[in-house]
Amino acid sequence: MIICFSSLKGGCGKTSLSIHLAHEIAKSGSRVLLIDADPQGSASDWNASREDKPLFSVIGMAQPTIHRDLPDLARDYDHVVIDSPPRVAKIARSGIIASNLVLIPVTPSSYDVWAADETVEIIGEAQITRPDIKGAFVINRKIVNTSIGREVASALKEYELPLLKTAINQRVVISEASNGSTAQELEPTGKAANEIRLLTLDILRLMEVDQW
């Protein structure tokens, strides 16, 4: 399975979600590749800052030919996660075309909801030639015990794409994980790790598969 986190708006947490999802999938024993398609190279920097190798591989590929180059690379892996860039529409489009599932992170902000339009449009264009591509929203950095997350969920109902049931809340451990670790490693039984686990189950259900 190839999963792409895509949004042309920066700051919605694509890199963090990509890293944590790749780690969660790799925990099952699957061979996982994380494609860092962002010219800023945040996922690659995260990988370089680690003291030991992560459970998954990280390769930089910030170019608009992902859909052509990825099949050869993916042969050695069971699953691929793509961290696509903000603003660079050509690279984002290539990542979407290469994918089975495109997840659009949305933070509890009207700006993120408005910014989703262009990504949804690109997914629709890709589905003309690849009707099997699925898309979905995931609420990220939701503030616990506030109503704004519900308001964003309501606003997203105007789109045909589904919203995944599990929201990833804003938690300190996820910020701490940016130095080369993951929430699952820092707090294996913590709330953030559990949310990531539930999110992976949502993805399995959406894709109608039983396991990774």
N, C-alpha and C. Protein backbone atom coordinates (compact mmCIF):
# COMPACT_ATOMS: atom_id res chain seq x y z
N MET A 1 0.84 -1.19 0.00
CA MET A 1 0.00 0.00 0.00
C MET A 1 0.88 1.24 0.00
N ILE A 2 0.49 2.24 -0.77
CA ILE A 2 1.21 3.51 -0.81
C ILE A 2 0.29 4.59 -0.27
N ILE A 3 0.72 5.23 0.81
CA ILE A 3 -0.09 6.24 1.50
C ILE A 3 0.64 7.58 1.41
N CYS A 4 -0.05 8.59 0.96
CA CYS A 4 0.54 9.92 0.81
C CYS A 4 -0.16 10.91 1.73
N PHE A 5 0.61 11.61 2.56
CA PHE A 5 0.07 12.73 3.33
C PHE A 5 0.27 13.99 2.49
N SER A 6 -0.83 14.63 2.14
CA SER A 6 -0.73 15.75 1.21
C SER A 6 -1.63 16.91 1.61
N SER A 7 -1.05 18.09 1.55
CA SER A 7 -1.79 19.34 1.72
C SER A 7 -0.86 20.44 1.25
N LEU A 8 -1.38 21.35 0.46
CA LEU A 8 -0.53 22.43 -0.03
C LEU A 8 -0.33 23.52 1.01
N LYS A 9 -0.93 23.35 2.17
CA LYS A 9 -0.71 24.28 3.27
C LYS A 9 0.35 23.71 4.20
N GLY A 10 1.30 24.54 4.60
CA GLY A 10 2.31 24.11 5.54
C GLY A 10 1.79 24.15 6.97
N GLY A 11 2.48 23.45 7.86
CA GLY A 11 2.16 23.53 9.27
C GLY A 11 1.02 22.66 9.74
N CYS A 12 0.55 21.74 8.90
CA CYS A 12 -0.58 20.88 9.32
C CYS A 12 -0.10 19.54 9.86
N GLY A 13 1.21 19.31 9.87
CA GLY A 13 1.74 18.12 10.52
C GLY A 13 1.94 16.91 9.63
N LYS A 14 2.14 17.13 8.32
CA LYS A 14 2.32 16.00 7.40
C LYS A 14 3.54 15.16 7.78
N THR A 15 4.65 15.82 8.09
CA THR A 15 5.88 15.07 8.40
C THR A 15 5.72 14.24 9.66
N SER A 16 5.18 14.84 10.71
CA SER A 16 4.99 14.12 11.97
C SER A 16 4.08 12.92 11.79
N LEU A 17 2.98 13.10 11.06
CA LEU A 17 2.06 12.00 10.82
C LEU A 17 2.71 10.91 9.98
N SER A 18 3.48 11.32 8.98
CA SER A 18 4.16 10.35 8.11
C SER A 18 5.12 9.48 8.91
N ILE A 19 5.91 10.11 9.76
CA ILE A 19 6.89 9.39 10.57
C ILE A 19 6.19 8.43 11.54
N HIS A 20 5.18 8.92 12.23
CA HIS A 20 4.52 8.09 13.23
C HIS A 20 3.73 6.94 12.59
N LEU A 21 3.12 7.20 11.42
CA LEU A 21 2.41 6.12 10.75
C LEU A 21 3.40 5.07 10.23
N ALA A 22 4.51 5.53 9.65
CA ALA A 22 5.51 4.59 9.14
C ALA A 22 6.03 3.70 10.27
N HIS A 23 6.27 4.31 11.43
CA HIS A 23 6.74 3.55 12.59
C HIS A 23 5.69 2.52 13.03
N GLU A 24 4.44 2.95 13.07
CA GLU A 24 3.37 2.05 13.53
C GLU A 24 3.20 0.87 12.59
N ILE A 25 3.25 1.12 11.29
CA ILE A 25 3.12 0.03 10.33
C ILE A 25 4.30 -0.92 10.45
N ALA A 26 5.52 -0.35 10.60
CA ALA A 26 6.73 -1.18 10.69
C ALA A 26 6.73 -2.05 11.94
N LYS A 27 6.02 -1.62 12.98
CA LYS A 27 5.94 -2.44 14.21
C LYS A 27 5.29 -3.79 13.94
N SER A 28 4.50 -3.87 12.88
CA SER A 28 3.83 -5.12 12.56
C SER A 28 4.78 -6.12 11.90
N GLY A 29 6.00 -5.66 11.60
CA GLY A 29 6.96 -6.52 10.92
C GLY A 29 7.05 -6.25 9.42
N SER A 30 6.23 -5.32 8.93
CA SER A 30 6.25 -4.99 7.50
C SER A 30 7.49 -4.16 7.16
N ARG A 31 7.94 -4.30 5.93
CA ARG A 31 9.05 -3.48 5.44
C ARG A 31 8.44 -2.18 4.91
N VAL A 32 8.84 -1.07 5.52
CA VAL A 32 8.22 0.22 5.23
C VAL A 32 9.26 1.22 4.72
N LEU A 33 8.89 1.96 3.69
CA LEU A 33 9.72 3.03 3.14
C LEU A 33 9.00 4.35 3.31
N LEU A 34 9.68 5.33 3.88
CA LEU A 34 9.16 6.69 3.97
C LEU A 34 9.85 7.55 2.91
N ILE A 35 9.08 8.10 2.00
CA ILE A 35 9.60 8.99 0.97
C ILE A 35 9.48 10.43 1.47
N ASP A 36 10.61 11.10 1.63
CA ASP A 36 10.62 12.51 2.01
C ASP A 36 10.59 13.32 0.71
N ALA A 37 9.38 13.76 0.32
CA ALA A 37 9.22 14.50 -0.93
C ALA A 37 9.20 16.01 -0.72
N ASP A 38 9.51 16.45 0.48
CA ASP A 38 9.53 17.88 0.80
C ASP A 38 10.94 18.42 0.61
N PRO A 39 11.12 19.44 -0.24
CA PRO A 39 12.45 20.02 -0.43
C PRO A 39 13.11 20.48 0.87
N GLN A 40 12.33 20.78 1.89
CA GLN A 40 12.90 21.17 3.18
C GLN A 40 13.59 19.99 3.88
N GLY A 41 13.21 18.78 3.52
CA GLY A 41 13.87 17.59 4.03
C GLY A 41 13.70 17.34 5.51
N SER A 42 12.54 17.66 6.06
CA SER A 42 12.33 17.51 7.51
C SER A 42 12.39 16.06 7.96
N ALA A 43 11.80 15.15 7.19
CA ALA A 43 11.84 13.74 7.56
C ALA A 43 13.26 13.19 7.47
N SER A 44 14.01 13.65 6.49
CA SER A 44 15.41 13.23 6.36
C SER A 44 16.23 13.76 7.53
N ASP A 45 15.96 14.99 7.94
CA ASP A 45 16.67 15.56 9.09
C ASP A 45 16.32 14.78 10.36
N TRP A 46 15.07 14.42 10.49
CA TRP A 46 14.65 13.60 11.64
C TRP A 46 15.42 12.29 11.66
N ASN A 47 15.53 11.67 10.51
CA ASN A 47 16.24 10.40 10.41
C ASN A 47 17.72 10.56 10.76
N ALA A 48 18.33 11.65 10.29
CA ALA A 48 19.76 11.88 10.54
C ALA A 48 20.05 12.17 12.00
N SER A 49 19.05 12.67 12.72
CA SER A 49 19.27 13.04 14.12
C SER A 49 19.11 11.85 15.08
N ARG A 50 18.68 10.72 14.56
CA ARG A 50 18.50 9.54 15.42
C ARG A 50 19.84 8.93 15.82
N GLU A 51 19.85 8.33 17.01
CA GLU A 51 21.04 7.63 17.46
C GLU A 51 21.12 6.24 16.86
N ASP A 52 19.98 5.65 16.54
CA ASP A 52 19.96 4.33 15.90
C ASP A 52 19.00 4.37 14.72
N LYS A 53 19.03 3.34 13.89
CA LYS A 53 18.17 3.30 12.72
C LYS A 53 16.71 3.13 13.14
N PRO A 54 15.80 3.80 12.43
CA PRO A 54 14.37 3.58 12.72
C PRO A 54 13.92 2.23 12.20
N LEU A 55 12.69 1.88 12.49
CA LEU A 55 12.15 0.60 12.03
C LEU A 55 11.87 0.61 10.53
N PHE A 56 11.97 1.76 9.91
CA PHE A 56 11.66 1.91 8.48
C PHE A 56 12.77 2.68 7.79
N SER A 57 12.79 2.61 6.47
CA SER A 57 13.80 3.33 5.68
C SER A 57 13.27 4.70 5.28
N VAL A 58 14.19 5.65 5.13
CA VAL A 58 13.84 7.01 4.72
C VAL A 58 14.68 7.38 3.50
N ILE A 59 14.02 7.81 2.44
CA ILE A 59 14.70 8.24 1.22
C ILE A 59 14.16 9.59 0.80
N GLY A 60 15.04 10.51 0.45
CA GLY A 60 14.63 11.81 -0.07
C GLY A 60 14.30 11.72 -1.55
N MET A 61 13.16 12.26 -1.94
CA MET A 61 12.76 12.25 -3.34
C MET A 61 11.87 13.46 -3.62
N ALA A 62 12.43 14.63 -3.52
CA ALA A 62 11.67 15.85 -3.72
C ALA A 62 11.69 16.24 -5.19
N GLN A 63 10.97 15.49 -5.98
CA GLN A 63 10.94 15.73 -7.42
C GLN A 63 9.59 15.31 -7.98
N PRO A 64 9.19 15.91 -9.10
CA PRO A 64 7.84 15.65 -9.64
C PRO A 64 7.74 14.39 -10.47
N THR A 65 8.62 13.42 -10.19
CA THR A 65 8.59 12.16 -10.94
C THR A 65 8.40 10.96 -9.99
N ILE A 66 7.84 11.22 -8.83
CA ILE A 66 7.65 10.14 -7.84
C ILE A 66 6.84 9.00 -8.44
N HIS A 67 5.78 9.34 -9.15
CA HIS A 67 4.90 8.31 -9.71
C HIS A 67 5.61 7.42 -10.72
N ARG A 68 6.67 7.93 -11.33
CA ARG A 68 7.43 7.11 -12.28
C ARG A 68 8.59 6.38 -11.60
N ASP A 69 9.20 7.00 -10.60
CA ASP A 69 10.39 6.44 -9.96
C ASP A 69 10.06 5.45 -8.84
N LEU A 70 8.92 5.63 -8.20
CA LEU A 70 8.61 4.85 -7.01
C LEU A 70 8.43 3.34 -7.26
N PRO A 71 7.82 2.92 -8.36
CA PRO A 71 7.62 1.47 -8.54
C PRO A 71 8.89 0.64 -8.39
N ASP A 72 10.01 1.12 -8.93
CA ASP A 72 11.26 0.38 -8.79
C ASP A 72 11.72 0.32 -7.34
N LEU A 73 11.62 1.44 -6.61
CA LEU A 73 12.03 1.48 -5.21
C LEU A 73 11.11 0.64 -4.34
N ALA A 74 9.83 0.66 -4.64
CA ALA A 74 8.84 0.00 -3.78
C ALA A 74 8.90 -1.52 -3.84
N ARG A 75 9.62 -2.05 -4.80
CA ARG A 75 9.68 -3.50 -4.92
C ARG A 75 10.25 -4.18 -3.69
N ASP A 76 11.11 -3.50 -2.97
CA ASP A 76 11.77 -4.08 -1.80
C ASP A 76 10.99 -3.84 -0.51
N TYR A 77 9.79 -3.25 -0.62
CA TYR A 77 9.04 -2.88 0.58
C TYR A 77 7.59 -3.36 0.48
N ASP A 78 6.99 -3.54 1.65
CA ASP A 78 5.58 -3.92 1.71
C ASP A 78 4.67 -2.71 1.61
N HIS A 79 5.11 -1.59 2.20
CA HIS A 79 4.29 -0.37 2.24
C HIS A 79 5.18 0.86 2.10
N VAL A 80 4.60 1.92 1.55
CA VAL A 80 5.31 3.18 1.36
C VAL A 80 4.46 4.32 1.92
N VAL A 81 5.11 5.22 2.64
CA VAL A 81 4.45 6.44 3.12
C VAL A 81 5.16 7.62 2.49
N ILE A 82 4.40 8.53 1.90
CA ILE A 82 4.97 9.70 1.23
C ILE A 82 4.64 10.96 2.04
N ASP A 83 5.68 11.70 2.39
CA ASP A 83 5.52 13.00 3.06
C ASP A 83 5.67 14.06 1.99
N SER A 84 4.55 14.58 1.49
CA SER A 84 4.60 15.52 0.36
C SER A 84 4.75 16.96 0.86
N PRO A 85 5.22 17.85 -0.01
CA PRO A 85 5.54 19.21 0.42
C PRO A 85 4.34 20.16 0.36
N PRO A 86 4.40 21.25 1.10
CA PRO A 86 3.43 22.32 0.90
C PRO A 86 3.86 23.17 -0.30
N ARG A 87 2.91 23.79 -0.91
CA ARG A 87 3.16 24.79 -1.97
C ARG A 87 3.65 24.21 -3.29
N VAL A 88 4.50 23.18 -3.28
CA VAL A 88 5.05 22.66 -4.54
C VAL A 88 4.05 21.70 -5.16
N ALA A 89 3.14 22.23 -5.95
CA ALA A 89 2.01 21.45 -6.45
C ALA A 89 2.45 20.32 -7.37
N LYS A 90 3.50 20.52 -8.16
CA LYS A 90 3.93 19.47 -9.09
C LYS A 90 4.38 18.22 -8.36
N ILE A 91 5.14 18.40 -7.27
CA ILE A 91 5.60 17.26 -6.49
C ILE A 91 4.42 16.62 -5.76
N ALA A 92 3.56 17.44 -5.19
CA ALA A 92 2.39 16.91 -4.48
C ALA A 92 1.52 16.10 -5.43
N ARG A 93 1.33 16.60 -6.64
CA ARG A 93 0.51 15.89 -7.63
C ARG A 93 1.14 14.54 -7.98
N SER A 94 2.45 14.51 -8.13
CA SER A 94 3.14 13.26 -8.45
C SER A 94 2.98 12.24 -7.33
N GLY A 95 3.09 12.70 -6.08
CA GLY A 95 2.90 11.81 -4.94
C GLY A 95 1.49 11.25 -4.88
N ILE A 96 0.52 12.09 -5.19
CA ILE A 96 -0.88 11.65 -5.18
C ILE A 96 -1.12 10.59 -6.26
N ILE A 97 -0.60 10.82 -7.46
CA ILE A 97 -0.78 9.87 -8.56
C ILE A 97 -0.17 8.51 -8.22
N ALA A 98 0.91 8.53 -7.43
CA ALA A 98 1.61 7.29 -7.10
C ALA A 98 0.90 6.47 -6.02
N SER A 99 -0.10 7.04 -5.37
CA SER A 99 -0.63 6.48 -4.13
C SER A 99 -1.91 5.67 -4.30
N ASN A 100 -2.15 4.82 -3.31
CA ASN A 100 -3.43 4.14 -3.17
C ASN A 100 -4.38 4.93 -2.28
N LEU A 101 -3.80 5.66 -1.32
CA LEU A 101 -4.58 6.44 -0.36
C LEU A 101 -3.90 7.77 -0.11
N VAL A 102 -4.67 8.85 -0.20
CA VAL A 102 -4.17 10.19 0.08
C VAL A 102 -4.87 10.71 1.33
N LEU A 103 -4.09 11.02 2.35
CA LEU A 103 -4.63 11.56 3.60
C LEU A 103 -4.33 13.04 3.68
N ILE A 104 -5.35 13.84 3.92
CA ILE A 104 -5.20 15.29 4.01
C ILE A 104 -5.29 15.70 5.47
N PRO A 105 -4.17 16.07 6.10
CA PRO A 105 -4.23 16.52 7.49
C PRO A 105 -4.86 17.91 7.57
N VAL A 106 -5.74 18.08 8.53
CA VAL A 106 -6.40 19.36 8.75
C VAL A 106 -6.32 19.69 10.23
N THR A 107 -5.72 20.82 10.56
CA THR A 107 -5.69 21.25 11.95
C THR A 107 -6.97 22.02 12.23
N PRO A 108 -7.33 22.19 13.50
CA PRO A 108 -8.56 22.93 13.84
C PRO A 108 -8.43 24.42 13.49
N SER A 109 -8.50 24.71 12.21
CA SER A 109 -8.33 26.08 11.73
C SER A 109 -9.11 26.24 10.44
N SER A 110 -9.77 27.35 10.29
CA SER A 110 -10.51 27.62 9.06
C SER A 110 -9.57 27.66 7.87
N TYR A 111 -8.33 28.12 8.09
CA TYR A 111 -7.36 28.20 7.01
C TYR A 111 -7.08 26.82 6.42
N ASP A 112 -6.98 25.81 7.28
CA ASP A 112 -6.72 24.45 6.79
C ASP A 112 -7.89 23.92 5.98
N VAL A 113 -9.11 24.22 6.42
CA VAL A 113 -10.29 23.77 5.69
C VAL A 113 -10.31 24.42 4.31
N TRP A 114 -10.04 25.73 4.26
CA TRP A 114 -10.02 26.42 2.97
C TRP A 114 -8.91 25.86 2.07
N ALA A 115 -7.76 25.56 2.68
CA ALA A 115 -6.61 25.09 1.91
C ALA A 115 -6.83 23.69 1.35
N ALA A 116 -7.80 22.96 1.89
CA ALA A 116 -8.05 21.59 1.43
C ALA A 116 -8.58 21.56 0.01
N ASP A 117 -9.18 22.65 -0.45
CA ASP A 117 -9.82 22.66 -1.77
C ASP A 117 -8.88 22.21 -2.88
N GLU A 118 -7.68 22.78 -2.91
CA GLU A 118 -6.77 22.49 -4.01
C GLU A 118 -6.30 21.04 -3.98
N THR A 119 -6.05 20.52 -2.78
CA THR A 119 -5.63 19.12 -2.68
C THR A 119 -6.76 18.19 -3.11
N VAL A 120 -7.97 18.47 -2.70
CA VAL A 120 -9.12 17.67 -3.12
C VAL A 120 -9.27 17.71 -4.64
N GLU A 121 -9.03 18.87 -5.21
CA GLU A 121 -9.12 19.01 -6.67
C GLU A 121 -8.07 18.15 -7.38
N ILE A 122 -6.84 18.13 -6.84
CA ILE A 122 -5.78 17.33 -7.44
C ILE A 122 -6.12 15.84 -7.34
N ILE A 123 -6.67 15.43 -6.20
CA ILE A 123 -7.08 14.03 -6.06
C ILE A 123 -8.13 13.68 -7.11
N GLY A 124 -9.10 14.57 -7.29
CA GLY A 124 -10.14 14.34 -8.29
C GLY A 124 -9.57 14.21 -9.70
N GLU A 125 -8.58 15.04 -10.03
CA GLU A 125 -7.94 14.96 -11.34
C GLU A 125 -7.22 13.62 -11.50
N ALA A 126 -6.52 13.19 -10.43
CA ALA A 126 -5.78 11.93 -10.49
C ALA A 126 -6.73 10.74 -10.63
N GLN A 127 -7.92 10.85 -10.05
CA GLN A 127 -8.88 9.74 -10.11
C GLN A 127 -9.46 9.53 -11.50
N ILE A 128 -9.29 10.50 -12.39
CA ILE A 128 -9.77 10.33 -13.76
C ILE A 128 -9.03 9.18 -14.44
N THR A 129 -7.72 9.11 -14.19
CA THR A 129 -6.92 8.02 -14.76
C THR A 129 -6.65 6.91 -13.76
N ARG A 130 -6.78 7.22 -12.45
CA ARG A 130 -6.57 6.23 -11.41
C ARG A 130 -7.78 6.22 -10.48
N PRO A 131 -8.91 5.68 -10.92
CA PRO A 131 -10.12 5.73 -10.11
C PRO A 131 -10.02 4.96 -8.80
N ASP A 132 -8.97 4.14 -8.65
CA ASP A 132 -8.80 3.37 -7.43
C ASP A 132 -8.18 4.18 -6.30
N ILE A 133 -7.70 5.38 -6.59
CA ILE A 133 -7.11 6.21 -5.54
C ILE A 133 -8.21 6.65 -4.56
N LYS A 134 -7.95 6.44 -3.28
CA LYS A 134 -8.89 6.90 -2.25
C LYS A 134 -8.30 8.11 -1.53
N GLY A 135 -9.17 8.93 -1.00
CA GLY A 135 -8.75 10.09 -0.22
C GLY A 135 -9.55 10.19 1.06
N ALA A 136 -8.97 10.82 2.07
CA ALA A 136 -9.66 11.01 3.34
C ALA A 136 -9.00 12.14 4.11
N PHE A 137 -9.76 12.74 5.00
CA PHE A 137 -9.23 13.77 5.89
C PHE A 137 -8.85 13.15 7.24
N VAL A 138 -7.86 13.73 7.88
CA VAL A 138 -7.53 13.36 9.25
C VAL A 138 -7.29 14.66 10.04
N ILE A 139 -7.99 14.79 11.15
CA ILE A 139 -7.80 15.98 11.99
C ILE A 139 -6.55 15.79 12.83
N ASN A 140 -5.66 16.75 12.75
CA ASN A 140 -4.37 16.68 13.44
C ASN A 140 -4.21 17.88 14.36
N ARG A 141 -3.47 17.68 15.44
CA ARG A 141 -3.20 18.74 16.42
C ARG A 141 -4.48 19.34 17.00
N LYS A 142 -5.44 18.48 17.20
CA LYS A 142 -6.69 18.91 17.85
C LYS A 142 -6.40 19.23 19.31
N ILE A 143 -6.98 20.30 19.79
CA ILE A 143 -6.79 20.69 21.19
C ILE A 143 -7.82 19.96 22.04
N VAL A 144 -7.32 19.22 23.01
CA VAL A 144 -8.18 18.39 23.85
C VAL A 144 -9.21 19.23 24.59
N ASN A 145 -10.43 18.69 24.69
CA ASN A 145 -11.52 19.31 25.46
C ASN A 145 -11.95 20.66 24.92
N THR A 146 -11.90 20.82 23.61
CA THR A 146 -12.43 22.04 23.00
C THR A 146 -13.41 21.64 21.91
N SER A 147 -14.27 22.58 21.53
CA SER A 147 -15.29 22.29 20.52
C SER A 147 -14.80 22.54 19.11
N ILE A 148 -13.62 23.14 18.95
CA ILE A 148 -13.17 23.54 17.61
C ILE A 148 -12.95 22.33 16.71
N GLY A 149 -12.55 21.19 17.28
CA GLY A 149 -12.38 19.99 16.49
C GLY A 149 -13.69 19.54 15.87
N ARG A 150 -14.79 19.65 16.63
CA ARG A 150 -16.11 19.29 16.12
C ARG A 150 -16.53 20.25 15.01
N GLU A 151 -16.17 21.51 15.16
CA GLU A 151 -16.53 22.51 14.15
C GLU A 151 -15.82 22.23 12.83
N VAL A 152 -14.56 21.83 12.90
CA VAL A 152 -13.80 21.50 11.69
C VAL A 152 -14.40 20.26 11.04
N ALA A 153 -14.73 19.25 11.85
CA ALA A 153 -15.33 18.03 11.31
C ALA A 153 -16.62 18.35 10.58
N SER A 154 -17.40 19.26 11.12
CA SER A 154 -18.65 19.66 10.49
C SER A 154 -18.39 20.37 9.16
N ALA A 155 -17.37 21.22 9.14
CA ALA A 155 -17.05 21.96 7.92
C ALA A 155 -16.58 21.03 6.80
N LEU A 156 -15.92 19.95 7.17
CA LEU A 156 -15.39 19.02 6.16
C LEU A 156 -16.48 18.16 5.52
N LYS A 157 -17.68 18.19 6.07
CA LYS A 157 -18.77 17.38 5.53
C LYS A 157 -19.20 17.83 4.14
N GLU A 158 -18.81 19.05 3.75
CA GLU A 158 -19.18 19.53 2.42
C GLU A 158 -18.41 18.81 1.32
N TYR A 159 -17.35 18.13 1.70
CA TYR A 159 -16.56 17.38 0.72
C TYR A 159 -17.05 15.94 0.65
N GLU A 160 -16.79 15.30 -0.48
CA GLU A 160 -17.19 13.91 -0.64
C GLU A 160 -16.23 12.95 0.06
N LEU A 161 -15.03 13.40 0.35
CA LEU A 161 -14.05 12.54 1.00
C LEU A 161 -14.44 12.31 2.46
N PRO A 162 -14.22 11.11 2.97
CA PRO A 162 -14.56 10.83 4.36
C PRO A 162 -13.55 11.43 5.34
N LEU A 163 -13.96 11.56 6.57
CA LEU A 163 -13.08 11.98 7.66
C LEU A 163 -12.79 10.77 8.53
N LEU A 164 -11.52 10.46 8.73
CA LEU A 164 -11.17 9.33 9.59
C LEU A 164 -11.66 9.59 11.01
N LYS A 165 -12.10 8.54 11.65
CA LYS A 165 -12.72 8.64 12.97
C LYS A 165 -11.74 9.18 14.02
N THR A 166 -10.50 8.73 13.97
CA THR A 166 -9.52 9.11 15.00
C THR A 166 -8.86 10.44 14.68
N ALA A 167 -8.90 11.35 15.64
CA ALA A 167 -8.17 12.62 15.54
C ALA A 167 -6.90 12.51 16.37
N ILE A 168 -5.84 13.12 15.89
CA ILE A 168 -4.58 13.15 16.63
C ILE A 168 -4.54 14.46 17.41
N ASN A 169 -4.52 14.34 18.72
CA ASN A 169 -4.55 15.53 19.57
C ASN A 169 -3.17 16.15 19.70
N GLN A 170 -3.17 17.41 20.04
CA GLN A 170 -1.90 18.13 20.25
C GLN A 170 -1.33 17.70 21.60
N ARG A 171 -0.18 17.03 21.55
CA ARG A 171 0.43 16.50 22.77
C ARG A 171 1.92 16.80 22.77
N VAL A 172 2.44 17.05 23.96
CA VAL A 172 3.84 17.43 24.13
C VAL A 172 4.77 16.35 23.59
N VAL A 173 4.43 15.09 23.80
CA VAL A 173 5.32 14.00 23.42
C VAL A 173 5.55 13.96 21.91
N ILE A 174 4.57 14.38 21.13
CA ILE A 174 4.75 14.40 19.68
C ILE A 174 5.74 15.49 19.30
N SER A 175 5.68 16.63 19.98
CA SER A 175 6.67 17.68 19.74
C SER A 175 8.06 17.23 20.14
N GLU A 176 8.15 16.54 21.27
CA GLU A 176 9.44 16.05 21.73
C GLU A 176 10.02 15.02 20.76
N ALA A 177 9.16 14.32 20.05
CA ALA A 177 9.62 13.28 19.13
C ALA A 177 10.29 13.85 17.89
N SER A 178 10.19 15.15 17.66
CA SER A 178 10.77 15.75 16.46
C SER A 178 12.30 15.71 16.47
N ASN A 179 12.89 15.36 17.62
CA ASN A 179 14.36 15.33 17.71
C ASN A 179 14.95 13.98 17.30
N GLY A 180 14.14 13.14 16.65
CA GLY A 180 14.67 11.88 16.16
C GLY A 180 14.07 10.65 16.80
N SER A 181 12.91 10.79 17.39
CA SER A 181 12.24 9.64 18.01
C SER A 181 10.77 9.66 17.61
N THR A 182 9.99 8.79 18.19
CA THR A 182 8.54 8.79 17.95
C THR A 182 7.82 8.73 19.29
N ALA A 183 6.57 9.09 19.27
CA ALA A 183 5.77 9.02 20.50
C ALA A 183 5.67 7.59 20.99
N GLN A 184 5.65 6.64 20.04
CA GLN A 184 5.57 5.23 20.43
C GLN A 184 6.83 4.78 21.18
N GLU A 185 7.98 5.37 20.83
CA GLU A 185 9.22 5.03 21.52
C GLU A 185 9.34 5.73 22.87
N LEU A 186 8.90 6.99 22.91
CA LEU A 186 9.03 7.78 24.14
C LEU A 186 8.01 7.36 25.19
N GLU A 187 6.78 7.13 24.76
CA GLU A 187 5.71 6.73 25.68
C GLU A 187 4.88 5.63 25.01
N PRO A 188 5.38 4.39 25.03
CA PRO A 188 4.72 3.29 24.31
C PRO A 188 3.27 3.07 24.68
N THR A 189 2.92 3.35 25.92
CA THR A 189 1.53 3.13 26.36
C THR A 189 0.79 4.46 26.55
N GLY A 190 1.35 5.54 26.04
CA GLY A 190 0.76 6.85 26.22
C GLY A 190 -0.42 7.11 25.29
N LYS A 191 -1.08 8.24 25.52
CA LYS A 191 -2.27 8.58 24.73
C LYS A 191 -1.93 8.83 23.27
N ALA A 192 -0.80 9.49 23.01
CA ALA A 192 -0.43 9.77 21.62
C ALA A 192 -0.17 8.49 20.85
N ALA A 193 0.56 7.56 21.46
CA ALA A 193 0.84 6.28 20.81
C ALA A 193 -0.45 5.53 20.52
N ASN A 194 -1.40 5.60 21.44
CA ASN A 194 -2.68 4.92 21.23
C ASN A 194 -3.47 5.56 20.09
N GLU A 195 -3.42 6.89 19.99
CA GLU A 195 -4.12 7.57 18.90
C GLU A 195 -3.53 7.17 17.54
N ILE A 196 -2.21 7.07 17.46
CA ILE A 196 -1.58 6.65 16.22
C ILE A 196 -2.01 5.22 15.87
N ARG A 197 -2.08 4.37 16.88
CA ARG A 197 -2.51 2.99 16.66
C ARG A 197 -3.95 2.95 16.13
N LEU A 198 -4.81 3.74 16.73
CA LEU A 198 -6.21 3.78 16.29
C LEU A 198 -6.33 4.36 14.88
N LEU A 199 -5.48 5.32 14.56
CA LEU A 199 -5.49 5.90 13.22
C LEU A 199 -5.11 4.85 12.17
N THR A 200 -4.13 4.02 12.49
CA THR A 200 -3.74 2.96 11.55
C THR A 200 -4.89 1.97 11.35
N LEU A 201 -5.64 1.70 12.40
CA LEU A 201 -6.80 0.81 12.27
C LEU A 201 -7.87 1.45 11.40
N ASP A 202 -8.06 2.76 11.53
CA ASP A 202 -9.00 3.47 10.66
C ASP A 202 -8.61 3.31 9.19
N ILE A 203 -7.31 3.41 8.93
CA ILE A 203 -6.81 3.28 7.56
C ILE A 203 -7.07 1.88 7.01
N LEU A 204 -6.82 0.88 7.84
CA LEU A 204 -7.07 -0.50 7.42
C LEU A 204 -8.54 -0.69 7.06
N ARG A 205 -9.43 -0.15 7.89
CA ARG A 205 -10.87 -0.28 7.62
C ARG A 205 -11.25 0.44 6.33
N LEU A 206 -10.69 1.64 6.14
CA LEU A 206 -11.01 2.40 4.94
C LEU A 206 -10.56 1.66 3.68
N MET A 207 -9.39 1.03 3.76
CA MET A 207 -8.84 0.33 2.60
C MET A 207 -9.36 -1.11 2.50
N GLU A 208 -10.18 -1.50 3.47
CA GLU A 208 -10.84 -2.82 3.47
C GLU A 208 -9.83 -3.96 3.45
N VAL A 209 -8.82 -3.81 4.31
CA VAL A 209 -7.84 -4.89 4.50
C VAL A 209 -7.77 -5.23 5.98
N ASP A 210 -7.33 -6.44 6.29
CA ASP A 210 -7.32 -6.92 7.67
C ASP A 210 -6.05 -6.56 8.44
N GLN A 211 -4.93 -6.50 7.74
CA GLN A 211 -3.67 -6.25 8.43
C GLN A 211 -2.65 -5.68 7.45
N TRP A 212 -1.56 -5.19 8.03
CA TRP A 212 -0.49 -4.63 7.21
C TRP A 212 0.34 -5.74 6.60
